[in-house]
Amino acid sequence: MKMLSKKRVRLGGARTMVVLAMVSSLVTVGLTSGTADASGKTLKPIVVGGIYPFTGAKSLLSSWATHGMAVGVYDVNAHGGVMGHKLKTSYVDDAADSVDVLPAFRKLMLSHPTFITGPFSPTIEGVINQFKPNNVVDFMIGGLTTLDTMQFPYVFRTTSSDSNESVAMAQYAISQGWKTASFIFDNSDNSQGFVAPLKAAYQALGGTVQQNITLTPGQSSYSSELTQAFAGKPQVIFDSMDSQTAATLFADGQQLGYMKVPWIGDDLQSASQGAYAKAFGPTASTNLIAALPSTPTAKDDAFNHFLTDYQTVWRTTSYLPTTFAFYDSVIIASLAMTMAKSTDPKVWVKDVVKVANPPGTPCSTYVKCVVLLKKGKGIDYNGAAGNDDFNKYHNVFSGFQMLGFDASLNNVQKAYVTPAQLAAVIAKEK
């Protein structure tokens, strides 16, 4: 996920609290007083925190987060909670701004969360040192490349890195015969994190980078940058930027006739009927493509179970991007607590990798995995987003969907880049 410009739109405090309350109410009704165990003892609910941008240019990410969280919390609570403890949510707004994230984290800690999901890439580095000292486990979502070799024992990433996403973007372009390209990325650290691995992969596959354009977000026109990018008549454009910048850039591109070639962007552009697709213009259905980290298939029991729960909670199976990663985060944390027989993060943090990685018995739903744990067996949770196996840096590795759009701007899968294909490209770079 990408860095937010300092120029942002804020909602009033009262309105923000109403939004947060409405979201939380989906999964916390009836939980505030706790539940009782077999002996009649009241069990306090486990607070699940979330740090997301409910306001600002990247506020769409908050919907991705809360939709996935609601489904995960619903599934756990519908099957007995965690050792009888129900889950309840508490969310705060960081506006995807590095200035706001630490105060948001401190506010969230007043709710005493046991684990947190988020923040996204734009702000994670502002609080990444805070989780262990505050004894709270974090599951972050986003592809920030600086986390590829992170050494934070309380932090886990359940989406694949942007360095892998870059390889998928390059591989897909070359597979389509697009061998000349220009890069158009904004100046945020996360967007710029795509550039080096994308260039390396694209050139390793025989591609030529003509121009590497860096945008300053929030400008009134990008005509000069577009003219420079298209000077050599590239066959494809690789891009990443916030939605406000994209709206201006795409409008300029339409006027200059530059939207007739394919544009390949990151997961922000992947939303069905989203702001990027709408801003792109009439050729979105043919020329706009986005890479989305995921491995769900109709043959995947965990993904099908996720869809069933999603239908129950949201009355639709048209899920938002990365929702399954948030869902998996809730399930993995709940299973780790169950394995450890403790809700204390200092105790169960060491079991996160144990429940998600081999060599335990594979299981694909919370209830089935809990049954195995109660029998004293090790488990290997294969989630809605894929195998969820963490490496030594607490990162996962997935394939990528290459998503396009139909005439109604609904998603159409153009291709799927497998983990094996990614590995093959990386091998060529060496």
Protein backbone atom coordinates (compact mmCIF):
# COMPACT_ATOMS: atom_id res chain seq x y z
CA MET A 1 0.00 0.00 0.00
CA LYS A 2 1.26 3.46 -0.81
CA MET A 3 2.19 6.68 1.05
CA LEU A 4 -0.45 9.36 1.49
CA SER A 5 0.21 12.94 0.42
CA LYS A 6 0.25 15.50 3.23
CA LYS A 7 -2.69 17.15 1.49
CA ARG A 8 -5.65 15.20 2.75
CA VAL A 9 -9.33 15.52 3.54
CA ARG A 10 -10.48 14.91 7.12
CA LEU A 11 -13.90 14.11 8.44
CA GLY A 12 -15.09 15.80 11.60
CA GLY A 13 -14.35 14.00 14.83
CA ALA A 14 -17.99 13.26 15.61
CA ARG A 15 -18.62 11.87 12.15
CA THR A 16 -15.53 9.68 12.36
CA MET A 17 -16.66 8.23 15.68
CA VAL A 18 -20.06 7.43 14.20
CA VAL A 19 -18.41 5.60 11.31
CA LEU A 20 -16.18 3.61 13.65
CA ALA A 21 -19.10 2.78 15.92
CA MET A 22 -21.17 1.55 12.99
CA VAL A 23 -18.37 -0.70 11.80
CA SER A 24 -17.64 -2.10 15.24
CA SER A 25 -21.30 -2.79 15.93
CA LEU A 26 -21.33 -5.46 13.25
CA VAL A 27 -19.25 -7.76 15.38
CA THR A 28 -19.51 -6.59 18.99
CA VAL A 29 -23.22 -6.64 19.74
CA GLY A 30 -23.83 -8.46 23.02
CA LEU A 31 -20.15 -8.88 23.86
CA THR A 32 -19.45 -5.96 26.15
CA SER A 33 -20.35 -7.84 29.31
CA GLY A 34 -18.38 -10.94 28.43
CA THR A 35 -19.49 -14.57 28.36
CA ALA A 36 -19.62 -17.30 30.97
CA ASP A 37 -17.69 -20.57 31.01
CA ALA A 38 -19.05 -23.93 32.17
CA SER A 39 -18.52 -22.98 35.84
CA GLY A 40 -20.42 -19.75 35.42
CA LYS A 41 -17.28 -17.61 35.60
CA THR A 42 -17.49 -14.51 33.40
CA LEU A 43 -14.92 -14.49 30.63
CA LYS A 44 -13.86 -11.10 29.38
CA PRO A 45 -13.95 -10.54 25.62
CA ILE A 46 -10.67 -10.42 23.74
CA VAL A 47 -10.18 -7.01 22.14
CA VAL A 48 -8.98 -7.09 18.54
CA GLY A 49 -7.55 -3.72 17.53
CA GLY A 50 -7.31 -2.16 14.10
CA ILE A 51 -5.32 0.83 12.82
CA TYR A 52 -6.65 1.92 9.42
CA PRO A 53 -7.11 5.10 7.35
CA PHE A 54 -10.79 5.91 7.82
CA THR A 55 -10.13 9.40 6.46
CA GLY A 56 -7.88 10.87 3.78
CA ALA A 57 -7.03 9.94 0.22
CA LYS A 58 -6.59 6.26 1.09
CA SER A 59 -9.71 5.84 3.17
CA LEU A 60 -10.88 3.05 0.84
CA LEU A 61 -8.38 0.80 2.62
CA SER A 62 -10.42 0.98 5.82
CA SER A 63 -13.30 -0.82 4.07
CA TRP A 64 -10.96 -3.58 2.95
CA ALA A 65 -9.80 -3.97 6.55
CA THR A 66 -13.11 -3.79 8.39
CA HIS A 67 -14.84 -6.14 5.95
CA GLY A 68 -12.21 -8.83 6.45
CA MET A 69 -12.05 -8.29 10.20
CA ALA A 70 -15.80 -8.58 10.63
CA VAL A 71 -15.82 -11.91 8.83
CA GLY A 72 -12.92 -13.31 10.87
CA VAL A 73 -14.43 -12.20 14.17
CA TYR A 74 -17.79 -13.61 13.15
CA ASP A 75 -16.29 -17.00 12.33
CA VAL A 76 -14.38 -17.29 15.60
CA ASN A 77 -17.32 -16.13 17.74
CA ALA A 78 -19.75 -18.42 15.90
CA HIS A 79 -17.60 -21.39 16.88
CA GLY A 80 -17.13 -20.76 20.57
CA GLY A 81 -14.67 -17.88 20.54
CA VAL A 82 -11.17 -18.45 21.86
CA MET A 83 -11.39 -20.87 24.77
CA GLY A 84 -14.81 -19.36 25.46
CA HIS A 85 -13.71 -15.74 25.14
CA LYS A 86 -15.58 -13.81 22.47
CA LEU A 87 -13.75 -11.36 20.22
CA LYS A 88 -14.71 -7.69 20.01
CA THR A 89 -13.17 -4.98 17.84
CA SER A 90 -11.79 -1.54 18.52
CA TYR A 91 -10.63 0.64 15.62
CA VAL A 92 -8.71 3.91 15.30
CA ASP A 93 -7.98 6.19 12.36
CA ASP A 94 -4.40 6.94 11.28
CA ALA A 95 -5.44 8.71 8.01
CA ALA A 96 -2.53 6.80 6.37
CA ASP A 97 -0.30 9.56 7.72
CA SER A 98 2.97 8.98 9.56
CA VAL A 99 2.23 11.95 11.85
CA ASP A 100 -1.08 10.49 12.98
CA VAL A 101 -0.20 6.84 13.45
CA LEU A 102 1.57 6.96 16.83
CA PRO A 103 -1.21 8.97 18.53
CA ALA A 104 -3.71 6.55 16.96
CA PHE A 105 -1.75 3.59 18.35
CA ARG A 106 -1.68 5.12 21.83
CA LYS A 107 -5.41 5.74 21.69
CA LEU A 108 -6.01 2.13 20.62
CA MET A 109 -3.92 0.80 23.51
CA LEU A 110 -6.45 2.34 25.92
CA SER A 111 -8.78 -0.45 24.75
CA HIS A 112 -6.18 -3.05 25.82
CA PRO A 113 -6.09 -5.07 22.57
CA THR A 114 -4.60 -8.55 22.61
CA PHE A 115 -3.64 -8.29 18.96
CA ILE A 116 -3.87 -5.69 16.22
CA THR A 117 -4.32 -5.78 12.47
CA GLY A 118 -2.82 -2.96 10.48
CA PRO A 119 -1.62 -0.44 9.95
CA PHE A 120 -1.06 -0.53 6.22
CA SER A 121 2.31 0.15 4.57
CA PRO A 122 2.18 3.98 4.66
CA THR A 123 2.34 4.06 8.46
CA ILE A 124 3.58 0.72 9.78
CA GLU A 125 7.15 1.93 10.25
CA GLY A 126 5.90 4.68 12.57
CA VAL A 127 4.79 2.12 15.16
CA ILE A 128 6.62 -1.09 14.30
CA ASN A 129 8.83 -0.75 17.40
CA GLN A 130 5.82 -0.34 19.69
CA PHE A 131 4.22 -3.78 19.63
CA LYS A 132 6.64 -5.82 21.74
CA PRO A 133 7.11 -3.17 24.47
CA ASN A 134 3.32 -2.88 24.72
CA ASN A 135 2.83 -6.67 24.70
CA VAL A 136 0.49 -6.76 21.70
CA VAL A 137 0.91 -8.90 18.58
CA ASP A 138 0.50 -7.24 15.20
CA PHE A 139 -0.59 -8.57 11.81
CA MET A 140 0.21 -5.89 9.25
CA ILE A 141 -1.20 -5.77 5.73
CA GLY A 142 0.78 -4.33 2.84
CA GLY A 143 3.77 -4.91 0.65
CA LEU A 144 6.37 -2.46 1.98
CA THR A 145 9.69 -3.80 0.70
CA THR A 146 11.68 -2.58 3.71
CA LEU A 147 9.91 -5.27 5.75
CA ASP A 148 11.20 -8.09 3.57
CA THR A 149 13.89 -8.89 6.14
CA MET A 150 12.25 -7.44 9.25
CA GLN A 151 13.33 -8.62 12.69
CA PHE A 152 10.33 -7.85 14.89
CA PRO A 153 9.17 -10.86 16.92
CA TYR A 154 5.67 -9.46 17.56
CA VAL A 155 4.96 -8.45 13.93
CA PHE A 156 3.67 -10.75 11.16
CA ARG A 157 2.75 -9.89 7.57
CA THR A 158 -0.07 -11.86 5.94
CA THR A 159 0.26 -10.34 2.45
CA SER A 160 3.11 -10.87 0.03
CA SER A 161 5.76 -8.18 -0.41
CA ASP A 162 5.70 -5.51 -3.11
CA SER A 163 9.03 -6.93 -4.28
CA ASN A 164 7.13 -10.07 -5.27
CA GLU A 165 4.28 -7.99 -6.68
CA SER A 166 6.78 -6.15 -8.87
CA VAL A 167 7.98 -9.45 -10.30
CA ALA A 168 4.39 -10.46 -11.07
CA MET A 169 3.77 -7.16 -12.86
CA ALA A 170 6.92 -7.59 -14.96
CA GLN A 171 6.21 -11.24 -15.75
CA TYR A 172 2.69 -10.48 -16.93
CA ALA A 173 3.83 -7.61 -19.15
CA ILE A 174 6.46 -9.71 -20.87
CA SER A 175 4.00 -12.58 -21.29
CA GLN A 176 1.84 -10.17 -23.30
CA GLY A 177 4.76 -9.12 -25.49
CA TRP A 178 5.13 -5.64 -23.95
CA LYS A 179 8.90 -5.18 -23.97
CA THR A 180 9.26 -1.40 -23.66
CA ALA A 181 7.95 0.43 -20.62
CA SER A 182 7.90 3.68 -18.69
CA PHE A 183 7.52 3.86 -14.92
CA ILE A 184 5.21 6.44 -13.29
CA PHE A 185 5.37 6.23 -9.49
CA ASP A 186 4.71 8.84 -6.83
CA ASN A 187 7.49 9.87 -4.46
CA SER A 188 6.30 7.95 -1.39
CA ASP A 189 8.69 5.42 0.09
CA ASN A 190 6.31 2.57 -0.57
CA SER A 191 5.63 3.43 -4.21
CA GLN A 192 9.33 3.93 -4.80
CA GLY A 193 9.87 0.52 -3.22
CA PHE A 194 8.43 -1.01 -6.39
CA VAL A 195 10.95 0.59 -8.72
CA ALA A 196 14.15 -1.37 -8.08
CA PRO A 197 12.62 -4.90 -8.01
CA LEU A 198 10.34 -4.09 -10.96
CA LYS A 199 13.23 -2.80 -13.04
CA ALA A 200 15.38 -5.81 -12.16
CA ALA A 201 12.65 -8.31 -13.04
CA TYR A 202 11.56 -6.54 -16.23
CA GLN A 203 15.11 -6.26 -17.55
CA ALA A 204 15.91 -9.86 -16.58
CA LEU A 205 12.99 -10.91 -18.79
CA GLY A 206 14.24 -8.85 -21.73
CA GLY A 207 12.28 -5.64 -21.17
CA THR A 208 13.60 -2.09 -21.63
CA VAL A 209 12.75 0.76 -19.27
CA GLN A 210 12.53 3.99 -21.27
CA GLN A 211 11.62 6.48 -18.53
CA ASN A 212 11.35 6.41 -14.74
CA ILE A 213 9.06 9.27 -13.74
CA THR A 214 8.60 10.29 -10.10
CA LEU A 215 5.43 12.22 -9.27
CA THR A 216 4.84 14.73 -6.50
CA PRO A 217 1.31 14.03 -5.21
CA GLY A 218 -1.33 16.75 -5.19
CA GLN A 219 -0.24 18.70 -8.29
CA SER A 220 -2.84 20.36 -10.51
CA SER A 221 -1.38 18.89 -13.72
CA TYR A 222 0.93 16.10 -14.80
CA SER A 223 1.01 16.86 -18.52
CA SER A 224 4.77 17.39 -18.64
CA GLU A 225 5.46 14.13 -16.80
CA LEU A 226 3.16 12.24 -19.16
CA THR A 227 4.78 13.78 -22.23
CA GLN A 228 8.17 12.65 -20.94
CA ALA A 229 6.93 9.15 -20.12
CA PHE A 230 5.44 8.65 -23.59
CA ALA A 231 8.26 10.24 -25.59
CA GLY A 232 9.58 6.83 -26.67
CA LYS A 233 6.12 5.34 -27.33
CA PRO A 234 6.30 2.64 -24.63
CA GLN A 235 4.19 -0.49 -25.02
CA VAL A 236 3.19 -0.49 -21.34
CA ILE A 237 3.12 1.82 -18.31
CA PHE A 238 3.82 0.62 -14.77
CA ASP A 239 2.35 2.89 -12.10
CA SER A 240 1.50 3.44 -8.45
CA MET A 241 0.04 6.53 -6.75
CA ASP A 242 -2.78 7.67 -4.47
CA SER A 243 -6.28 8.00 -5.89
CA GLN A 244 -6.32 11.81 -5.93
CA THR A 245 -3.09 11.98 -7.89
CA ALA A 246 -4.34 9.23 -10.21
CA ALA A 247 -7.53 11.18 -10.97
CA THR A 248 -5.51 14.19 -12.12
CA LEU A 249 -2.94 12.10 -14.01
CA PHE A 250 -5.54 9.98 -15.80
CA ALA A 251 -7.58 13.05 -16.78
CA ASP A 252 -4.46 14.61 -18.30
CA GLY A 253 -3.65 11.31 -20.01
CA GLN A 254 -7.09 11.20 -21.60
CA GLN A 255 -6.68 14.70 -23.01
CA LEU A 256 -3.24 13.82 -24.40
CA GLY A 257 -4.34 10.48 -25.85
CA TYR A 258 -2.11 8.39 -23.60
CA MET A 259 -4.70 5.95 -22.27
CA LYS A 260 -4.59 3.70 -25.33
CA VAL A 261 -1.74 1.56 -24.02
CA PRO A 262 -1.93 -0.87 -21.06
CA TRP A 263 -1.25 0.49 -17.59
CA ILE A 264 -0.23 -2.05 -14.93
CA GLY A 265 -0.61 -0.90 -11.35
CA ASP A 266 -0.46 -2.26 -7.83
CA ASP A 267 -3.27 -3.64 -5.68
CA LEU A 268 -4.69 -0.19 -4.89
CA GLN A 269 -5.97 -0.05 -8.47
CA SER A 270 -7.64 -3.44 -8.26
CA ALA A 271 -10.94 -2.49 -6.60
CA SER A 272 -14.04 -3.37 -8.60
CA GLN A 273 -15.84 -0.14 -9.60
CA GLY A 274 -13.18 1.69 -7.61
CA ALA A 275 -11.89 5.24 -7.86
CA TYR A 276 -8.94 4.29 -10.05
CA ALA A 277 -11.01 2.38 -12.59
CA LYS A 278 -13.58 5.17 -12.77
CA ALA A 279 -10.92 7.84 -13.22
CA PHE A 280 -9.05 5.90 -15.89
CA GLY A 281 -11.74 6.57 -18.47
CA PRO A 282 -13.35 4.66 -21.37
CA THR A 283 -10.39 2.35 -21.95
CA ALA A 284 -10.34 0.99 -18.38
CA SER A 285 -11.99 -2.23 -19.55
CA THR A 286 -9.14 -2.92 -21.99
CA ASN A 287 -6.07 -1.13 -20.67
CA LEU A 288 -6.15 -1.00 -16.87
CA ILE A 289 -4.59 -3.96 -15.04
CA ALA A 290 -3.72 -4.37 -11.36
CA ALA A 291 -1.74 -6.97 -9.44
CA LEU A 292 -3.39 -8.38 -6.32
CA PRO A 293 -1.54 -10.75 -3.96
CA SER A 294 -3.63 -13.84 -3.39
CA THR A 295 -3.98 -17.53 -4.03
CA PRO A 296 -7.67 -18.23 -3.39
CA THR A 297 -9.43 -20.64 -5.71
CA ALA A 298 -12.83 -22.29 -5.87
CA LYS A 299 -11.09 -25.56 -4.91
CA ASP A 300 -9.79 -24.07 -1.66
CA ASP A 301 -11.89 -25.13 1.34
CA ALA A 302 -10.69 -22.19 3.42
CA PHE A 303 -11.59 -19.69 0.72
CA ASN A 304 -15.03 -21.23 0.20
CA HIS A 305 -15.63 -21.10 3.96
CA PHE A 306 -14.54 -17.46 3.95
CA LEU A 307 -17.01 -16.70 1.15
CA THR A 308 -19.83 -18.35 3.10
CA ASP A 309 -19.04 -16.25 6.15
CA TYR A 310 -18.64 -13.15 3.99
CA GLN A 311 -22.14 -13.73 2.58
CA THR A 312 -23.53 -14.07 6.10
CA VAL A 313 -21.92 -10.88 7.38
CA TRP A 314 -22.11 -8.63 4.31
CA ARG A 315 -24.94 -10.20 2.26
CA THR A 316 -22.72 -10.57 -0.80
CA THR A 317 -19.86 -12.72 -2.05
CA SER A 318 -18.29 -9.81 -3.93
CA TYR A 319 -15.45 -9.42 -1.48
CA LEU A 320 -13.13 -6.42 -1.33
CA PRO A 321 -9.37 -6.72 -1.99
CA THR A 322 -7.17 -8.23 0.75
CA THR A 323 -10.18 -8.97 2.99
CA PHE A 324 -9.09 -12.61 3.19
CA ALA A 325 -5.70 -11.55 4.59
CA PHE A 326 -7.43 -9.78 7.50
CA TYR A 327 -9.70 -12.79 7.96
CA ASP A 328 -6.69 -15.13 8.09
CA SER A 329 -4.95 -12.86 10.59
CA VAL A 330 -7.87 -13.18 13.02
CA ILE A 331 -7.99 -16.96 12.59
CA ILE A 332 -4.24 -17.42 13.01
CA ALA A 333 -4.13 -15.30 16.18
CA SER A 334 -7.10 -17.17 17.64
CA LEU A 335 -5.51 -20.53 16.87
CA ALA A 336 -2.20 -19.46 18.42
CA MET A 337 -3.98 -18.53 21.64
CA THR A 338 -5.81 -21.85 21.60
CA MET A 339 -2.58 -23.79 21.09
CA ALA A 340 -0.86 -21.87 23.88
CA LYS A 341 -3.94 -22.13 26.14
CA SER A 342 -3.35 -18.50 26.97
CA THR A 343 -4.55 -15.07 25.88
CA ASP A 344 -1.32 -13.41 27.03
CA PRO A 345 0.64 -12.29 23.93
CA LYS A 346 3.94 -12.98 25.68
CA VAL A 347 2.87 -16.62 25.83
CA TRP A 348 1.11 -17.20 22.50
CA VAL A 349 3.23 -15.09 20.15
CA LYS A 350 5.64 -18.01 19.77
CA ASP A 351 2.78 -20.19 18.56
CA VAL A 352 1.79 -18.01 15.59
CA VAL A 353 4.32 -19.70 13.32
CA LYS A 354 3.53 -23.11 14.78
CA VAL A 355 -0.17 -23.00 13.84
CA ALA A 356 0.46 -21.54 10.37
CA ASN A 357 3.42 -23.59 9.17
CA PRO A 358 4.17 -27.28 8.55
CA PRO A 359 4.68 -29.94 9.79
CA GLY A 360 1.32 -30.03 11.57
CA THR A 361 -1.86 -31.57 10.20
CA PRO A 362 -3.28 -29.32 7.44
CA CYS A 363 -6.61 -27.71 8.31
CA SER A 364 -8.56 -24.99 6.55
CA THR A 365 -11.19 -23.64 8.96
CA TYR A 366 -11.09 -22.35 12.50
CA VAL A 367 -13.44 -24.97 13.90
CA LYS A 368 -11.59 -27.90 12.28
CA CYS A 369 -8.22 -26.60 13.45
CA VAL A 370 -9.51 -26.16 17.02
CA VAL A 371 -10.71 -29.76 17.07
CA LEU A 372 -7.20 -30.92 16.16
CA LEU A 373 -5.61 -28.69 18.79
CA LYS A 374 -7.94 -30.01 21.48
CA LYS A 375 -6.76 -33.50 20.57
CA GLY A 376 -3.19 -32.38 21.18
CA LYS A 377 -2.20 -32.43 17.53
CA GLY A 378 -0.06 -29.90 15.72
CA ILE A 379 -1.72 -28.00 12.88
CA ASP A 380 -0.82 -26.25 9.63
CA TYR A 381 -3.52 -23.67 8.91
CA ASN A 382 -4.01 -23.15 5.18
CA GLY A 383 -6.06 -19.99 4.97
CA ALA A 384 -8.38 -18.16 2.63
CA ALA A 385 -5.40 -16.28 1.16
CA GLY A 386 -3.20 -19.36 0.71
CA ASN A 387 -0.89 -21.46 2.83
CA ASP A 388 0.03 -18.58 5.20
CA ASP A 389 3.45 -20.12 5.85
CA PHE A 390 5.67 -17.53 7.55
CA ASN A 391 9.38 -17.41 6.72
CA LYS A 392 12.07 -16.44 9.23
CA TYR A 393 11.21 -12.78 8.69
CA HIS A 394 7.51 -13.39 9.42
CA ASN A 395 6.55 -12.82 5.79
CA VAL A 396 4.36 -14.96 3.53
CA PHE A 397 4.88 -15.71 -0.17
CA SER A 398 1.93 -15.88 -2.55
CA GLY A 399 1.00 -15.82 -6.19
CA PHE A 400 -0.73 -12.83 -7.76
CA GLN A 401 -3.93 -12.31 -9.64
CA MET A 402 -3.64 -9.91 -12.58
CA LEU A 403 -7.01 -8.21 -12.59
CA GLY A 404 -8.66 -6.21 -15.35
CA PHE A 405 -12.15 -4.80 -15.68
CA ASP A 406 -15.27 -5.37 -17.76
CA ALA A 407 -17.44 -2.63 -19.23
CA SER A 408 -19.19 -2.19 -15.86
CA LEU A 409 -15.79 -1.92 -14.11
CA ASN A 410 -16.22 -5.22 -12.33
CA ASN A 411 -13.08 -7.32 -11.98
CA VAL A 412 -12.00 -9.81 -14.62
CA GLN A 413 -8.99 -12.03 -13.96
CA LYS A 414 -6.57 -11.64 -16.84
CA ALA A 415 -4.00 -14.09 -15.55
CA TYR A 416 -2.59 -15.69 -12.44
CA VAL A 417 1.15 -15.52 -11.78
CA THR A 418 2.09 -18.55 -9.71
CA PRO A 419 4.72 -18.68 -6.96
CA ALA A 420 6.77 -20.96 -9.24
CA GLN A 421 6.72 -18.35 -12.00
CA LEU A 422 7.83 -15.68 -9.55
CA ALA A 423 10.69 -17.88 -8.36
CA ALA A 424 11.76 -18.51 -11.96
CA VAL A 425 11.98 -14.78 -12.67
CA ILE A 426 13.93 -14.11 -9.47
CA ALA A 427 16.38 -16.86 -10.46
CA LYS A 428 17.03 -15.08 -13.78
CA GLU A 429 17.99 -11.90 -11.94
CA LYS A 430 20.96 -13.59 -10.26
